[in-house]
All heavy atoms as atom14 arrays in JSON, in Angstrom:
{
  "sequence": "EDSTVAKTDEQWREELSPAEYQVLRQAGTERPFTGEY",
  "atom14_mask": [
    [1, 1, 1, 1, 1, 1, 1, 1, 1, 0, 0, 0, 0, 0],
    [1, 1, 1, 1, 1, 1, 1, 1, 0, 0, 0, 0, 0, 0],
    [1, 1, 1, 1, 1, 1, 0, 0, 0, 0, 0, 0, 0, 0],
    [1, 1, 1, 1, 1, 1, 1, 0, 0, 0, 0, 0, 0, 0],
    [1, 1, 1, 1, 1, 1, 1, 0, 0, 0, 0, 0, 0, 0],
    [1, 1, 1, 1, 1, 0, 0, 0, 0, 0, 0, 0, 0, 0],
    [1, 1, 1, 1, 1, 1, 1, 1, 1, 0, 0, 0, 0, 0],
    [1, 1, 1, 1, 1, 1, 1, 0, 0, 0, 0, 0, 0, 0],
    [1, 1, 1, 1, 1, 1, 1, 1, 0, 0, 0, 0, 0, 0],
    [1, 1, 1, 1, 1, 1, 1, 1, 1, 0, 0, 0, 0, 0],
    [1, 1, 1, 1, 1, 1, 1, 1, 1, 0, 0, 0, 0, 0],
    [1, 1, 1, 1, 1, 1, 1, 1, 1, 1, 1, 1, 1, 1],
    [1, 1, 1, 1, 1, 1, 1, 1, 1, 1, 1, 0, 0, 0],
    [1, 1, 1, 1, 1, 1, 1, 1, 1, 0, 0, 0, 0, 0],
    [1, 1, 1, 1, 1, 1, 1, 1, 1, 0, 0, 0, 0, 0],
    [1, 1, 1, 1, 1, 1, 1, 1, 0, 0, 0, 0, 0, 0],
    [1, 1, 1, 1, 1, 1, 0, 0, 0, 0, 0, 0, 0, 0],
    [1, 1, 1, 1, 1, 1, 1, 0, 0, 0, 0, 0, 0, 0],
    [1, 1, 1, 1, 1, 0, 0, 0, 0, 0, 0, 0, 0, 0],
    [1, 1, 1, 1, 1, 1, 1, 1, 1, 0, 0, 0, 0, 0],
    [1, 1, 1, 1, 1, 1, 1, 1, 1, 1, 1, 1, 0, 0],
    [1, 1, 1, 1, 1, 1, 1, 1, 1, 0, 0, 0, 0, 0],
    [1, 1, 1, 1, 1, 1, 1, 0, 0, 0, 0, 0, 0, 0],
    [1, 1, 1, 1, 1, 1, 1, 1, 0, 0, 0, 0, 0, 0],
    [1, 1, 1, 1, 1, 1, 1, 1, 1, 1, 1, 0, 0, 0],
    [1, 1, 1, 1, 1, 1, 1, 1, 1, 0, 0, 0, 0, 0],
    [1, 1, 1, 1, 1, 0, 0, 0, 0, 0, 0, 0, 0, 0],
    [1, 1, 1, 1, 0, 0, 0, 0, 0, 0, 0, 0, 0, 0],
    [1, 1, 1, 1, 1, 1, 1, 0, 0, 0, 0, 0, 0, 0],
    [1, 1, 1, 1, 1, 1, 1, 1, 1, 0, 0, 0, 0, 0],
    [1, 1, 1, 1, 1, 1, 1, 1, 1, 1, 1, 0, 0, 0],
    [1, 1, 1, 1, 1, 1, 1, 0, 0, 0, 0, 0, 0, 0],
    [1, 1, 1, 1, 1, 1, 1, 1, 1, 1, 1, 0, 0, 0],
    [1, 1, 1, 1, 1, 1, 1, 0, 0, 0, 0, 0, 0, 0],
    [1, 1, 1, 1, 0, 0, 0, 0, 0, 0, 0, 0, 0, 0],
    [1, 1, 1, 1, 1, 1, 1, 1, 1, 0, 0, 0, 0, 0],
    [1, 1, 1, 1, 1, 1, 1, 1, 1, 1, 1, 1, 0, 0]
  ],
  "atom14_positions": [
    [[-13.72, 11.11, 7.06], [-14.88, 11.55, 7.85], [-16.16, 10.86, 7.43], [-17.02, 10.65, 8.27], [-15.11, 13.04, 7.74], [-13.93, 13.89, 7.53], [-14.24, 15.36, 7.43], [-15.26, 15.78, 6.82], [-13.43, 16.12, 7.94], [0.0, 0.0, 0.0], [0.0, 0.0, 0.0], [0.0, 0.0, 0.0], [0.0, 0.0, 0.0], [0.0, 0.0, 0.0]],
    [[-16.36, 10.56, 6.17], [-17.61, 9.99, 5.72], [-17.65, 8.48, 5.74], [-18.64, 7.9, 5.32], [-17.95, 10.5, 4.32], [-18.19, 12.0, 4.28], [-18.56, 12.57, 5.32], [-18.08, 12.62, 3.19], [0.0, 0.0, 0.0], [0.0, 0.0, 0.0], [0.0, 0.0, 0.0], [0.0, 0.0, 0.0], [0.0, 0.0, 0.0], [0.0, 0.0, 0.0]],
    [[-16.57, 7.84, 6.11], [-16.58, 6.37, 6.15], [-17.58, 5.89, 7.17], [-17.8, 6.52, 8.18], [-15.19, 5.82, 6.38], [-14.71, 6.19, 7.65], [0.0, 0.0, 0.0], [0.0, 0.0, 0.0], [0.0, 0.0, 0.0], [0.0, 0.0, 0.0], [0.0, 0.0, 0.0], [0.0, 0.0, 0.0], [0.0, 0.0, 0.0], [0.0, 0.0, 0.0]],
    [[-18.19, 4.75, 6.89], [-19.2, 4.21, 7.79], [-18.63, 3.29, 8.85], [-19.28, 3.03, 9.84], [-20.3, 3.46, 6.99], [-19.69, 2.42, 6.25], [-21.03, 4.41, 6.07], [0.0, 0.0, 0.0], [0.0, 0.0, 0.0], [0.0, 0.0, 0.0], [0.0, 0.0, 0.0], [0.0, 0.0, 0.0], [0.0, 0.0, 0.0], [0.0, 0.0, 0.0]],
    [[-17.42, 2.81, 8.65], [-16.78, 1.98, 9.62], [-15.66, 2.78, 10.29], [-14.7, 3.13, 9.65], [-16.16, 0.7, 8.94], [-15.39, -0.11, 9.93], [-17.21, -0.1, 8.23], [0.0, 0.0, 0.0], [0.0, 0.0, 0.0], [0.0, 0.0, 0.0], [0.0, 0.0, 0.0], [0.0, 0.0, 0.0], [0.0, 0.0, 0.0], [0.0, 0.0, 0.0]],
    [[-15.85, 3.07, 11.55], [-14.86, 3.9, 12.29], [-14.26, 3.02, 13.39], [-14.95, 2.57, 14.31], [-15.53, 5.12, 12.87], [0.0, 0.0, 0.0], [0.0, 0.0, 0.0], [0.0, 0.0, 0.0], [0.0, 0.0, 0.0], [0.0, 0.0, 0.0], [0.0, 0.0, 0.0], [0.0, 0.0, 0.0], [0.0, 0.0, 0.0], [0.0, 0.0, 0.0]],
    [[-12.96, 2.77, 13.28], [-12.25, 1.98, 14.28], [-10.97, 2.73, 14.61], [-10.42, 3.45, 13.8], [-11.93, 0.61, 13.77], [-13.17, -0.25, 13.5], [-12.77, -1.65, 13.05], [-14.04, -2.41, 12.73], [-13.75, -3.79, 12.31], [0.0, 0.0, 0.0], [0.0, 0.0, 0.0], [0.0, 0.0, 0.0], [0.0, 0.0, 0.0], [0.0, 0.0, 0.0]],
    [[-10.45, 2.46, 15.8], [-9.19, 3.04, 16.21], [-8.08, 2.27, 15.54], [-8.25, 1.13, 15.08], [-8.99, 3.0, 17.72], [-8.9, 1.63, 18.12], [-10.14, 3.73, 18.44], [0.0, 0.0, 0.0], [0.0, 0.0, 0.0], [0.0, 0.0, 0.0], [0.0, 0.0, 0.0], [0.0, 0.0, 0.0], [0.0, 0.0, 0.0], [0.0, 0.0, 0.0]],
    [[-6.91, 2.87, 15.51], [-5.74, 2.2, 14.96], [-5.47, 0.9, 15.72], [-5.13, -0.13, 15.15], [-4.52, 3.13, 15.05], [-3.34, 2.62, 14.27], [-3.48, 2.33, 13.08], [-2.27, 2.46, 14.9], [0.0, 0.0, 0.0], [0.0, 0.0, 0.0], [0.0, 0.0, 0.0], [0.0, 0.0, 0.0], [0.0, 0.0, 0.0], [0.0, 0.0, 0.0]],
    [[-5.67, 0.92, 17.03], [-5.47, -0.27, 17.86], [-6.45, -1.38, 17.44], [-6.06, -2.54, 17.37], [-5.69, 0.09, 19.34], [-5.39, -1.04, 20.28], [-5.54, -0.63, 21.72], [-4.94, 0.4, 22.11], [-6.22, -1.34, 22.46], [0.0, 0.0, 0.0], [0.0, 0.0, 0.0], [0.0, 0.0, 0.0], [0.0, 0.0, 0.0], [0.0, 0.0, 0.0]],
    [[-7.71, -1.04, 17.21], [-8.67, -2.04, 16.76], [-8.27, -2.62, 15.43], [-8.36, -3.88, 15.25], [-10.07, -1.38, 16.68], [-10.7, -1.08, 18.01], [-11.98, -0.27, 17.86], [-12.02, 0.72, 17.14], [-12.99, -0.72, 18.54], [0.0, 0.0, 0.0], [0.0, 0.0, 0.0], [0.0, 0.0, 0.0], [0.0, 0.0, 0.0], [0.0, 0.0, 0.0]],
    [[-7.83, -1.81, 14.46], [-7.39, -2.37, 13.18], [-6.21, -3.3, 13.36], [-6.16, -4.37, 12.74], [-7.02, -1.25, 12.2], [-8.16, -0.49, 11.63], [-8.41, 0.85, 11.77], [-9.24, -1.02, 10.82], [-9.57, 1.19, 11.08], [-10.11, 0.06, 10.53], [-9.57, -2.28, 10.38], [-11.25, -0.09, 9.75], [-10.7, -2.45, 9.59], [-11.54, -1.34, 9.3]],
    [[-5.26, -2.95, 14.2], [-4.1, -3.78, 14.45], [-4.5, -5.17, 15.03], [-3.88, -6.16, 14.71], [-3.1, -3.11, 15.37], [-2.3, -2.01, 14.68], [-1.25, -1.42, 15.64], [-0.6, -0.27, 15.07], [0.46, -0.34, 14.26], [0.96, -1.51, 13.94], [0.99, 0.75, 13.8], [0.0, 0.0, 0.0], [0.0, 0.0, 0.0], [0.0, 0.0, 0.0]],
    [[-5.51, -5.17, 15.88], [-5.98, -6.4, 16.49], [-6.72, -7.28, 15.46], [-6.62, -8.51, 15.54], [-6.94, -6.09, 17.63], [-6.27, -5.56, 18.88], [-7.24, -5.09, 19.97], [-8.45, -5.36, 19.81], [-6.79, -4.47, 20.94], [0.0, 0.0, 0.0], [0.0, 0.0, 0.0], [0.0, 0.0, 0.0], [0.0, 0.0, 0.0], [0.0, 0.0, 0.0]],
    [[-7.42, -6.67, 14.54], [-8.25, -7.45, 13.58], [-7.5, -7.91, 12.33], [-7.87, -8.92, 11.74], [-9.44, -6.61, 13.14], [-10.43, -6.35, 14.27], [-11.62, -5.51, 13.82], [-11.86, -5.45, 12.59], [-12.28, -4.95, 14.7], [0.0, 0.0, 0.0], [0.0, 0.0, 0.0], [0.0, 0.0, 0.0], [0.0, 0.0, 0.0], [0.0, 0.0, 0.0]],
    [[-6.5, -7.17, 11.92], [-5.78, -7.47, 10.68], [-4.43, -8.11, 11.0], [-3.82, -7.82, 11.99], [-5.56, -6.19, 9.88], [-6.81, -5.38, 9.5], [-6.45, -4.05, 8.89], [-7.64, -6.2, 8.51], [0.0, 0.0, 0.0], [0.0, 0.0, 0.0], [0.0, 0.0, 0.0], [0.0, 0.0, 0.0], [0.0, 0.0, 0.0], [0.0, 0.0, 0.0]],
    [[-3.94, -8.95, 10.06], [-2.63, -9.49, 10.17], [-1.63, -8.33, 9.95], [-2.01, -7.3, 9.38], [-2.38, -10.58, 9.14], [-2.27, -9.99, 7.83], [0.0, 0.0, 0.0], [0.0, 0.0, 0.0], [0.0, 0.0, 0.0], [0.0, 0.0, 0.0], [0.0, 0.0, 0.0], [0.0, 0.0, 0.0], [0.0, 0.0, 0.0], [0.0, 0.0, 0.0]],
    [[-0.37, -8.48, 10.34], [0.58, -7.4, 10.07], [0.68, -7.02, 8.57], [0.76, -5.83, 8.22], [1.91, -7.98, 10.57], [1.51, -8.91, 11.66], [0.21, -9.53, 11.17], [0.0, 0.0, 0.0], [0.0, 0.0, 0.0], [0.0, 0.0, 0.0], [0.0, 0.0, 0.0], [0.0, 0.0, 0.0], [0.0, 0.0, 0.0], [0.0, 0.0, 0.0]],
    [[0.63, -8.01, 7.68], [0.7, -7.72, 6.24], [-0.56, -7.01, 5.75], [-0.47, -6.04, 4.97], [0.9, -9.03, 5.46], [0.0, 0.0, 0.0], [0.0, 0.0, 0.0], [0.0, 0.0, 0.0], [0.0, 0.0, 0.0], [0.0, 0.0, 0.0], [0.0, 0.0, 0.0], [0.0, 0.0, 0.0], [0.0, 0.0, 0.0], [0.0, 0.0, 0.0]],
    [[-1.71, -7.42, 6.23], [-2.98, -6.76, 5.88], [-2.96, -5.32, 6.4], [-3.33, -4.39, 5.67], [-4.17, -7.48, 6.46], [-4.43, -8.86, 5.83], [-5.41, -9.68, 6.63], [-5.73, -9.36, 7.81], [-5.88, -10.67, 6.06], [0.0, 0.0, 0.0], [0.0, 0.0, 0.0], [0.0, 0.0, 0.0], [0.0, 0.0, 0.0], [0.0, 0.0, 0.0]],
    [[-2.55, -5.13, 7.6], [-2.48, -3.78, 8.22], [-1.55, -2.88, 7.4], [-1.89, -1.72, 7.13], [-2.01, -3.87, 9.66], [-1.97, -2.53, 10.35], [-3.13, -2.01, 10.93], [-0.8, -1.8, 10.38], [-3.11, -0.77, 11.55], [-0.77, -0.53, 10.97], [-1.94, -0.02, 11.57], [-1.9, 1.22, 12.11], [0.0, 0.0, 0.0], [0.0, 0.0, 0.0]],
    [[-0.42, -3.38, 7.01], [0.56, -2.58, 6.27], [-0.01, -2.08, 4.93], [0.19, -0.95, 4.58], [1.85, -3.41, 6.03], [3.06, -2.61, 5.62], [3.23, -2.51, 4.13], [2.76, -3.36, 3.36], [3.89, -1.44, 3.69], [0.0, 0.0, 0.0], [0.0, 0.0, 0.0], [0.0, 0.0, 0.0], [0.0, 0.0, 0.0], [0.0, 0.0, 0.0]],
    [[-0.78, -2.92, 4.25], [-1.39, -2.48, 2.97], [-2.62, -1.66, 3.21], [-2.77, -0.54, 2.71], [-1.69, -3.71, 2.09], [-2.53, -3.31, 0.88], [-0.39, -4.38, 1.62], [0.0, 0.0, 0.0], [0.0, 0.0, 0.0], [0.0, 0.0, 0.0], [0.0, 0.0, 0.0], [0.0, 0.0, 0.0], [0.0, 0.0, 0.0], [0.0, 0.0, 0.0]],
    [[-3.59, -2.19, 3.97], [-4.87, -1.55, 4.13], [-4.83, -0.25, 4.92], [-5.57, 0.7, 4.62], [-5.83, -2.53, 4.8], [-6.28, -3.72, 3.91], [-6.81, -4.86, 4.76], [-7.32, -3.27, 2.92], [0.0, 0.0, 0.0], [0.0, 0.0, 0.0], [0.0, 0.0, 0.0], [0.0, 0.0, 0.0], [0.0, 0.0, 0.0], [0.0, 0.0, 0.0]],
    [[-4.06, -0.19, 5.98], [-4.12, 0.96, 6.84], [-2.89, 1.9, 6.7], [-2.92, 3.06, 7.11], [-4.23, 0.52, 8.32], [-5.4, -0.39, 8.62], [-6.76, 0.11, 8.13], [-7.12, 1.41, 8.67], [-8.09, 2.14, 8.2], [-8.82, 1.72, 7.22], [-8.36, 3.31, 8.74], [0.0, 0.0, 0.0], [0.0, 0.0, 0.0], [0.0, 0.0, 0.0]],
    [[-1.78, 1.4, 6.08], [-0.6, 2.22, 5.9], [-0.28, 2.45, 4.41], [0.8, 2.91, 4.11], [0.62, 1.59, 6.61], [0.4, 1.52, 8.1], [1.61, 0.96, 8.82], [2.17, -0.06, 8.39], [2.01, 1.59, 9.92], [0.0, 0.0, 0.0], [0.0, 0.0, 0.0], [0.0, 0.0, 0.0], [0.0, 0.0, 0.0], [0.0, 0.0, 0.0]],
    [[-1.22, 2.12, 3.55], [-1.09, 2.33, 2.13], [0.13, 1.63, 1.5], [0.77, 2.19, 0.58], [-1.1, 3.82, 1.78], [0.0, 0.0, 0.0], [0.0, 0.0, 0.0], [0.0, 0.0, 0.0], [0.0, 0.0, 0.0], [0.0, 0.0, 0.0], [0.0, 0.0, 0.0], [0.0, 0.0, 0.0], [0.0, 0.0, 0.0], [0.0, 0.0, 0.0]],
    [[0.41, 0.45, 1.96], [1.51, -0.3, 1.42], [1.1, -1.01, 0.13], [-0.04, -0.9, -0.3], [0.0, 0.0, 0.0], [0.0, 0.0, 0.0], [0.0, 0.0, 0.0], [0.0, 0.0, 0.0], [0.0, 0.0, 0.0], [0.0, 0.0, 0.0], [0.0, 0.0, 0.0], [0.0, 0.0, 0.0], [0.0, 0.0, 0.0], [0.0, 0.0, 0.0]],
    [[2.04, -1.72, -0.47], [1.79, -2.48, -1.68], [2.41, -3.85, -1.58], [3.58, -3.97, -1.17], [2.39, -1.75, -2.91], [1.8, -0.45, -3.01], [2.12, -2.51, -4.21], [0.0, 0.0, 0.0], [0.0, 0.0, 0.0], [0.0, 0.0, 0.0], [0.0, 0.0, 0.0], [0.0, 0.0, 0.0], [0.0, 0.0, 0.0], [0.0, 0.0, 0.0]],
    [[1.64, -4.88, -1.91], [2.22, -6.22, -1.91], [3.06, -6.38, -3.17], [2.86, -5.68, -4.16], [1.12, -7.28, -1.83], [0.24, -7.31, -3.05], [-1.01, -8.22, -2.86], [-1.1, -8.9, -1.84], [-1.85, -8.19, -3.77], [0.0, 0.0, 0.0], [0.0, 0.0, 0.0], [0.0, 0.0, 0.0], [0.0, 0.0, 0.0], [0.0, 0.0, 0.0]],
    [[4.0, -7.31, -3.14], [4.84, -7.55, -4.3], [4.01, -8.07, -5.45], [3.06, -8.84, -5.25], [5.96, -8.52, -3.94], [6.96, -7.92, -2.99], [8.21, -8.8, -2.75], [8.15, -10.08, -3.4], [8.23, -11.23, -2.76], [8.35, -11.29, -1.46], [8.22, -12.36, -3.46], [0.0, 0.0, 0.0], [0.0, 0.0, 0.0], [0.0, 0.0, 0.0]],
    [[4.34, -7.7, -6.69], [3.6, -8.22, -7.82], [3.72, -9.74, -7.97], [4.74, -10.31, -7.59], [4.22, -7.5, -9.04], [5.56, -7.09, -8.57], [5.47, -6.87, -7.09], [0.0, 0.0, 0.0], [0.0, 0.0, 0.0], [0.0, 0.0, 0.0], [0.0, 0.0, 0.0], [0.0, 0.0, 0.0], [0.0, 0.0, 0.0], [0.0, 0.0, 0.0]],
    [[2.7, -10.35, -8.52], [2.65, -11.79, -8.84], [2.75, -12.67, -7.6], [3.08, -13.83, -7.69], [3.76, -12.16, -9.84], [3.72, -11.36, -11.12], [4.63, -10.34, -11.3], [2.77, -11.62, -12.08], [4.57, -9.57, -12.47], [2.74, -10.86, -13.26], [3.64, -9.85, -13.44], [0.0, 0.0, 0.0], [0.0, 0.0, 0.0], [0.0, 0.0, 0.0]],
    [[2.42, -12.13, -6.41], [2.46, -12.92, -5.19], [1.11, -13.01, -4.52], [0.9, -13.89, -3.69], [3.45, -12.3, -4.16], [3.01, -10.98, -3.81], [4.85, -12.22, -4.69], [0.0, 0.0, 0.0], [0.0, 0.0, 0.0], [0.0, 0.0, 0.0], [0.0, 0.0, 0.0], [0.0, 0.0, 0.0], [0.0, 0.0, 0.0], [0.0, 0.0, 0.0]],
    [[0.18, -12.15, -4.85], [-1.13, -12.1, -4.23], [-2.04, -13.26, -4.62], [-1.88, -13.86, -5.73], [0.0, 0.0, 0.0], [0.0, 0.0, 0.0], [0.0, 0.0, 0.0], [0.0, 0.0, 0.0], [0.0, 0.0, 0.0], [0.0, 0.0, 0.0], [0.0, 0.0, 0.0], [0.0, 0.0, 0.0], [0.0, 0.0, 0.0], [0.0, 0.0, 0.0]],
    [[-3.01, -13.51, -3.84], [-3.97, -14.61, -4.04], [-4.77, -14.46, -5.31], [-5.15, -15.44, -5.94], [-4.83, -14.63, -2.8], [-5.85, -15.78, -2.79], [-6.65, -15.79, -1.48], [-6.48, -14.91, -0.63], [-7.47, -16.71, -1.36], [0.0, 0.0, 0.0], [0.0, 0.0, 0.0], [0.0, 0.0, 0.0], [0.0, 0.0, 0.0], [0.0, 0.0, 0.0]],
    [[-5.13, -13.25, -5.73], [-6.11, -13.07, -6.79], [-5.53, -12.47, -8.1], [-6.28, -12.2, -9.01], [-7.23, -12.17, -6.31], [-7.91, -12.66, -5.06], [-7.97, -11.89, -3.92], [-8.51, -13.94, -5.02], [-8.59, -12.35, -2.76], [-9.12, -14.41, -3.87], [-9.16, -13.61, -2.74], [-9.78, -14.06, -1.6], [0.0, 0.0, 0.0], [0.0, 0.0, 0.0]]
  ]
}
């Protein structure tokens, strides 16, 4: 409720790649030692 960026699920799906969406919006986890940073 207090977040400043409010988007629909459809908007997030359009803006994020499937992998980004899975982690950022569905609380997924990328495999260890594979991420960019």
